[in-house]
Structure formats: structure tokens, C-alpha cells
Amino acid sequence: MNQFQKGLLFAVIQVLLVSSLGAKFLWDRETSPRGWALLEGYDPDLPIRGRYINISLSVKADAVFRPSEGPAPFAGYARENVELRVDKGRIIAVPADRSTGLTLSAPRLRDGEILATLSPPVVYFLPEHAADPLRGHAMGTLFLEVTLPERGPPRPIRFGTKVGGEIVPLGTE
């Protein structure tokens, strides 16, 4: 086998590896549950970030944090090992028996629901010439549809906003 053939074989192997990762993400998107989570904040001005934005998600955490009777508003400030599930199209957190790497913090009441901030934040890639969909929308009105893979953090799909009590993907309202 000469140098050209070795180089060609190496290139084919690299293409197969990258393609298999893309195929896995597509498979997860089609087979995993998906739902909407409220956007809490994002990082628009980090000079080295390129076209990525870090997005903190607020998820419904009624099953994790329960109001307490004491001076603190909730019976806990941080909770590790939570699992994410979809309930009526929204992402909710439930206590997990196994280590998941997902953490909730900063529980608060909003519209009768206990919401908490999910950690780690979700990273969203913006194409080079695409407009930032977060500009011009007030925080607390934007949602992110995510896929919940079997393991790991949620994977972002698209942005949406609440219109008339329903979450509508941006660009279709």
C-alpha cells in the first residue's frame, strides 16, 4: 500500500467517524422525547465564543423542590441527580436514583409553578450569517425546544415564544 492509498484510507475513516456522530444525533432527535423549556438567560457578548450562545434553561421542578414552612422559601437550594422528562410538551425535572450530571438551583415560584435553573447550560450554535433569535425578545417569554437523549444534557432544536397560551416556534407566529 503506497502513501496515496494510506492517505485515502485515513480520509475515508475520518469521514465515516464524523458521519456516524451526525447520524447518532439525527437518530436521537427522531427517537428521544422532546419538549419546551423556558429560557432564563444567555451570554451574548463573550468575545471568544464565536457564534455559540450559552443558554440557561428553567424547568418545572415541583417534584424536586417543595415549599417549606420555615424561613427559606423552599426545602432545598440545589439538587443533583435529577432526570428530565416531558409532561404536556414541557420539560420537567424529577429526582433521579442514578448519577446524571444534571443539577437544579435557584428554585422560585412563577405563575403557580416551581421553576429551577438547569445546569450545565445548553450551548446553541448560530450559523454564520443568521440573526440572533434572542435579540428583541424579553427574557421570560422565550422557550427552547430540546431533545432529551438517554444520557447527557438536553440538545437544542429551535426557539419559540408564547402566543395566546401556546408555545409557537419562532418564524411561524
C-alpha atoms as a PDB file:
ATOM      1  CA  MET A   1       0.000   0.000   0.000  1.00  0.00           C
ATOM      2  CA  ASN A   2       1.584   3.299  -1.080  1.00  0.00           C
ATOM      3  CA  GLN A   3       1.303   6.713   0.640  1.00  0.00           C
ATOM      4  CA  PHE A   4      -1.623   7.865  -1.514  1.00  0.00           C
ATOM      5  CA  GLN A   5      -3.682   4.774  -0.650  1.00  0.00           C
ATOM      6  CA  LYS A   6      -2.884   5.135   3.063  1.00  0.00           C
ATOM      7  CA  GLY A   7      -3.945   8.792   2.967  1.00  0.00           C
ATOM      8  CA  LEU A   8      -7.153   7.937   1.135  1.00  0.00           C
ATOM      9  CA  LEU A   9      -7.962   5.177   3.644  1.00  0.00           C
ATOM     10  CA  PHE A  10      -7.337   7.595   6.526  1.00  0.00           C
ATOM     11  CA  ALA A  11      -9.641  10.220   4.930  1.00  0.00           C
ATOM     12  CA  VAL A  12     -12.417   7.647   4.439  1.00  0.00           C
ATOM     13  CA  ILE A  13     -12.148   6.561   8.080  1.00  0.00           C
ATOM     14  CA  GLN A  14     -12.368  10.195   9.248  1.00  0.00           C
ATOM     15  CA  VAL A  15     -15.455  10.845   7.094  1.00  0.00           C
ATOM     16  CA  LEU A  16     -17.101   7.692   8.472  1.00  0.00           C
ATOM     17  CA  LEU A  17     -16.399   8.734  12.072  1.00  0.00           C
ATOM     18  CA  VAL A  18     -17.862  12.223  11.610  1.00  0.00           C
ATOM     19  CA  SER A  19     -20.842  10.850   9.684  1.00  0.00           C
ATOM     20  CA  SER A  20     -21.590   8.315  12.418  1.00  0.00           C
ATOM     21  CA  LEU A  21     -21.733  11.103  15.017  1.00  0.00           C
ATOM     22  CA  GLY A  22     -24.134  13.101  12.845  1.00  0.00           C
ATOM     23  CA  ALA A  23     -26.257  10.004  12.296  1.00  0.00           C
ATOM     24  CA  LYS A  24     -26.401   9.383  16.060  1.00  0.00           C
ATOM     25  CA  PHE A  25     -27.614  12.960  16.684  1.00  0.00           C
ATOM     26  CA  LEU A  26     -30.278  12.598  13.973  1.00  0.00           C
ATOM     27  CA  TRP A  27     -31.367   9.251  15.430  1.00  0.00           C
ATOM     28  CA  ASP A  28     -31.608  10.758  18.938  1.00  0.00           C
ATOM     29  CA  ARG A  29     -33.677  13.663  17.608  1.00  0.00           C
ATOM     30  CA  GLU A  30     -36.151  11.276  15.973  1.00  0.00           C
ATOM     31  CA  THR A  31     -36.420   8.728  18.794  1.00  0.00           C
ATOM     32  CA  SER A  32     -35.916  10.740  22.009  1.00  0.00           C
ATOM     33  CA  PRO A  33     -38.638  12.744  23.727  1.00  0.00           C
ATOM     34  CA  ARG A  34     -38.680  16.477  23.096  1.00  0.00           C
ATOM     35  CA  GLY A  35     -40.257  19.396  24.892  1.00  0.00           C
ATOM     36  CA  TRP A  36     -40.059  23.116  25.623  1.00  0.00           C
ATOM     37  CA  ALA A  37     -38.111  24.782  28.443  1.00  0.00           C
ATOM     38  CA  LEU A  38     -38.195  28.447  29.439  1.00  0.00           C
ATOM     39  CA  LEU A  39     -35.044  30.447  28.650  1.00  0.00           C
ATOM     40  CA  GLU A  40     -33.665  32.163  31.691  1.00  0.00           C
ATOM     41  CA  GLY A  41     -30.679  33.992  30.274  1.00  0.00           C
ATOM     42  CA  TYR A  42     -27.943  33.811  27.747  1.00  0.00           C
ATOM     43  CA  ASP A  43     -24.419  35.024  27.082  1.00  0.00           C
ATOM     44  CA  PRO A  44     -24.482  37.339  24.042  1.00  0.00           C
ATOM     45  CA  ASP A  45     -21.174  39.215  24.366  1.00  0.00           C
ATOM     46  CA  LEU A  46     -18.366  36.796  25.137  1.00  0.00           C
ATOM     47  CA  PRO A  47     -15.679  37.805  22.597  1.00  0.00           C
ATOM     48  CA  ILE A  48     -14.210  34.319  22.140  1.00  0.00           C
ATOM     49  CA  ARG A  49     -17.486  32.456  21.825  1.00  0.00           C
ATOM     50  CA  GLY A  50     -17.842  32.698  18.061  1.00  0.00           C
ATOM     51  CA  ARG A  51     -21.441  32.027  17.075  1.00  0.00           C
ATOM     52  CA  TYR A  52     -22.290  29.926  20.126  1.00  0.00           C
ATOM     53  CA  ILE A  53     -24.561  31.128  22.891  1.00  0.00           C
ATOM     54  CA  ASN A  54     -24.845  29.644  26.368  1.00  0.00           C
ATOM     55  CA  ILE A  55     -28.467  29.360  27.399  1.00  0.00           C
ATOM     56  CA  SER A  56     -29.701  28.686  30.915  1.00  0.00           C
ATOM     57  CA  LEU A  57     -32.962  26.774  30.966  1.00  0.00           C
ATOM     58  CA  SER A  58     -35.667  26.979  33.615  1.00  0.00           C
ATOM     59  CA  VAL A  59     -37.516  23.718  34.072  1.00  0.00           C
ATOM     60  CA  LYS A  60     -40.561  22.850  36.126  1.00  0.00           C
ATOM     61  CA  ALA A  61     -39.283  21.388  39.405  1.00  0.00           C
ATOM     62  CA  ASP A  62     -42.404  20.772  41.516  1.00  0.00           C
ATOM     63  CA  ALA A  63     -41.342  17.152  42.109  1.00  0.00           C
ATOM     64  CA  VAL A  64     -37.871  18.192  43.317  1.00  0.00           C
ATOM     65  CA  PHE A  65     -38.439  21.306  45.432  1.00  0.00           C
ATOM     66  CA  ARG A  66     -41.382  21.532  47.768  1.00  0.00           C
ATOM     67  CA  PRO A  67     -42.347  24.730  49.621  1.00  0.00           C
ATOM     68  CA  SER A  68     -41.251  24.589  53.253  1.00  0.00           C
ATOM     69  CA  GLU A  69     -42.828  26.066  56.339  1.00  0.00           C
ATOM     70  CA  GLY A  70     -39.567  27.630  57.615  1.00  0.00           C
ATOM     71  CA  PRO A  71     -37.877  30.945  56.794  1.00  0.00           C
ATOM     72  CA  ALA A  72     -36.453  29.648  53.492  1.00  0.00           C
ATOM     73  CA  PRO A  73     -39.000  29.587  50.652  1.00  0.00           C
ATOM     74  CA  PHE A  74     -38.002  26.062  49.560  1.00  0.00           C
ATOM     75  CA  ALA A  75     -36.795  22.931  51.311  1.00  0.00           C
ATOM     76  CA  GLY A  76     -33.510  22.912  49.370  1.00  0.00           C
ATOM     77  CA  TYR A  77     -31.350  25.214  47.306  1.00  0.00           C
ATOM     78  CA  ALA A  78     -29.597  22.798  44.999  1.00  0.00           C
ATOM     79  CA  ARG A  79     -30.396  19.296  43.915  1.00  0.00           C
ATOM     80  CA  GLU A  80     -28.151  16.970  41.959  1.00  0.00           C
ATOM     81  CA  ASN A  81     -29.097  13.810  40.159  1.00  0.00           C
ATOM     82  CA  VAL A  82     -32.270  14.931  38.522  1.00  0.00           C
ATOM     83  CA  GLU A  83     -33.748  13.408  35.401  1.00  0.00           C
ATOM     84  CA  LEU A  84     -35.596  15.366  32.771  1.00  0.00           C
ATOM     85  CA  ARG A  85     -38.902  14.226  31.344  1.00  0.00           C
ATOM     86  CA  VAL A  86     -41.592  15.638  29.093  1.00  0.00           C
ATOM     87  CA  ASP A  87     -45.039  16.379  30.509  1.00  0.00           C
ATOM     88  CA  LYS A  88     -47.646  18.017  28.266  1.00  0.00           C
ATOM     89  CA  GLY A  89     -44.932  19.335  25.954  1.00  0.00           C
ATOM     90  CA  ARG A  90     -42.882  20.952  28.758  1.00  0.00           C
ATOM     91  CA  ILE A  91     -39.623  19.765  30.311  1.00  0.00           C
ATOM     92  CA  ILE A  92     -39.913  18.795  33.974  1.00  0.00           C
ATOM     93  CA  ALA A  93     -37.296  17.634  36.478  1.00  0.00           C
ATOM     94  CA  VAL A  94     -37.746  14.640  38.763  1.00  0.00           C
ATOM     95  CA  PRO A  95     -35.356  13.184  41.367  1.00  0.00           C
ATOM     96  CA  ALA A  96     -33.043  10.521  39.928  1.00  0.00           C
ATOM     97  CA  ASP A  97     -31.666   7.380  41.542  1.00  0.00           C
ATOM     98  CA  ARG A  98     -28.505   7.378  39.430  1.00  0.00           C
ATOM     99  CA  SER A  99     -25.859   9.997  38.714  1.00  0.00           C
ATOM    100  CA  THR A 100     -26.944  12.123  35.739  1.00  0.00           C
ATOM    101  CA  GLY A 101     -24.640  15.148  35.946  1.00  0.00           C
ATOM    102  CA  LEU A 102     -27.678  17.461  35.854  1.00  0.00           C
ATOM    103  CA  THR A 103     -28.204  19.934  38.688  1.00  0.00           C
ATOM    104  CA  LEU A 104     -31.010  22.293  39.620  1.00  0.00           C
ATOM    105  CA  SER A 105     -30.579  25.506  41.561  1.00  0.00           C
ATOM    106  CA  ALA A 106     -32.335  28.793  42.348  1.00  0.00           C
ATOM    107  CA  PRO A 107     -35.887  27.499  42.761  1.00  0.00           C
ATOM    108  CA  ARG A 108     -38.586  30.159  42.510  1.00  0.00           C
ATOM    109  CA  LEU A 109     -42.320  30.461  42.061  1.00  0.00           C
ATOM    110  CA  ARG A 110     -43.666  31.711  38.744  1.00  0.00           C
ATOM    111  CA  ASP A 111     -47.278  31.525  37.647  1.00  0.00           C
ATOM    112  CA  GLY A 112     -48.017  28.894  40.288  1.00  0.00           C
ATOM    113  CA  GLU A 113     -45.135  26.610  39.218  1.00  0.00           C
ATOM    114  CA  ILE A 114     -41.808  25.971  40.889  1.00  0.00           C
ATOM    115  CA  LEU A 115     -39.103  26.653  38.301  1.00  0.00           C
ATOM    116  CA  ALA A 116     -35.396  25.971  38.786  1.00  0.00           C
ATOM    117  CA  THR A 117     -32.292  26.653  36.712  1.00  0.00           C
ATOM    118  CA  LEU A 118     -30.782  23.644  34.968  1.00  0.00           C
ATOM    119  CA  SER A 119     -27.039  23.207  34.995  1.00  0.00           C
ATOM    120  CA  PRO A 120     -24.986  22.760  32.822  1.00  0.00           C
ATOM    121  CA  PRO A 121     -26.274  25.378  30.378  1.00  0.00           C
ATOM    122  CA  VAL A 122     -27.231  24.413  26.846  1.00  0.00           C
ATOM    123  CA  VAL A 123     -24.934  25.560  24.052  1.00  0.00           C
ATOM    124  CA  TYR A 124     -26.627  26.669  20.833  1.00  0.00           C
ATOM    125  CA  PHE A 125     -24.765  27.196  17.546  1.00  0.00           C
ATOM    126  CA  LEU A 126     -25.841  30.030  15.260  1.00  0.00           C
ATOM    127  CA  PRO A 127     -24.938  29.788  11.560  1.00  0.00           C
ATOM    128  CA  GLU A 128     -22.528  32.470  10.380  1.00  0.00           C
ATOM    129  CA  HIS A 129     -24.995  34.910   8.796  1.00  0.00           C
ATOM    130  CA  ALA A 130     -28.096  34.058  10.850  1.00  0.00           C
ATOM    131  CA  ALA A 131     -29.651  36.742  13.013  1.00  0.00           C
ATOM    132  CA  ASP A 132     -29.547  36.161  16.760  1.00  0.00           C
ATOM    133  CA  PRO A 133     -33.090  34.960  17.576  1.00  0.00           C
ATOM    134  CA  LEU A 134     -32.771  36.148  21.180  1.00  0.00           C
ATOM    135  CA  ARG A 135     -32.444  39.822  20.313  1.00  0.00           C
ATOM    136  CA  GLY A 136     -35.668  41.778  20.601  1.00  0.00           C
ATOM    137  CA  HIS A 137     -37.417  39.297  22.911  1.00  0.00           C
ATOM    138  CA  ALA A 138     -37.829  39.881  26.631  1.00  0.00           C
ATOM    139  CA  MET A 139     -36.471  37.133  28.862  1.00  0.00           C
ATOM    140  CA  GLY A 140     -39.263  35.060  30.335  1.00  0.00           C
ATOM    141  CA  THR A 141     -41.111  34.965  27.019  1.00  0.00           C
ATOM    142  CA  LEU A 142     -38.707  32.775  25.058  1.00  0.00           C
ATOM    143  CA  PHE A 143     -38.611  28.991  25.082  1.00  0.00           C
ATOM    144  CA  LEU A 144     -36.180  26.454  23.642  1.00  0.00           C
ATOM    145  CA  GLU A 145     -37.327  23.113  22.281  1.00  0.00           C
ATOM    146  CA  VAL A 146     -34.860  20.429  23.301  1.00  0.00           C
ATOM    147  CA  THR A 147     -34.346  16.725  22.739  1.00  0.00           C
ATOM    148  CA  LEU A 148     -33.797  14.614  25.846  1.00  0.00           C
ATOM    149  CA  PRO A 149     -31.251  11.933  24.938  1.00  0.00           C
ATOM    150  CA  GLU A 150     -30.956   8.825  27.080  1.00  0.00           C
ATOM    151  CA  ARG A 151     -27.775  10.207  28.666  1.00  0.00           C
ATOM    152  CA  GLY A 152     -26.318  13.691  28.856  1.00  0.00           C
ATOM    153  CA  PRO A 153     -27.703  17.204  28.796  1.00  0.00           C
ATOM    154  CA  PRO A 154     -30.598  18.332  26.603  1.00  0.00           C
ATOM    155  CA  ARG A 155     -29.830  19.094  22.956  1.00  0.00           C
ATOM    156  CA  PRO A 156     -31.353  22.278  21.499  1.00  0.00           C
ATOM    157  CA  ILE A 157     -33.608  22.201  18.439  1.00  0.00           C
ATOM    158  CA  ARG A 158     -35.341  25.567  17.964  1.00  0.00           C
ATOM    159  CA  PHE A 159     -36.605  28.678  19.703  1.00  0.00           C
ATOM    160  CA  GLY A 160     -40.213  29.525  20.414  1.00  0.00           C
ATOM    161  CA  THR A 161     -42.349  32.129  22.126  1.00  0.00           C
ATOM    162  CA  LYS A 162     -45.666  32.011  23.934  1.00  0.00           C
ATOM    163  CA  VAL A 163     -48.569  33.252  21.833  1.00  0.00           C
ATOM    164  CA  GLY A 164     -52.044  33.042  23.323  1.00  0.00           C
ATOM    165  CA  GLY A 165     -51.070  30.437  25.913  1.00  0.00           C
ATOM    166  CA  GLU A 166     -49.354  28.150  23.391  1.00  0.00           C
ATOM    167  CA  ILE A 167     -45.666  27.913  22.533  1.00  0.00           C
ATOM    168  CA  VAL A 168     -45.124  28.678  18.852  1.00  0.00           C
ATOM    169  CA  PRO A 169     -41.751  28.183  17.112  1.00  0.00           C
ATOM    170  CA  LEU A 170     -40.094  31.482  16.089  1.00  0.00           C
ATOM    171  CA  GLY A 171     -40.679  32.384  12.495  1.00  0.00           C
ATOM    172  CA  THR A 172     -44.179  30.862  12.466  1.00  0.00           C
ATOM    173  CA  GLU A 173     -46.021  33.274  14.754  1.00  0.00           C
END
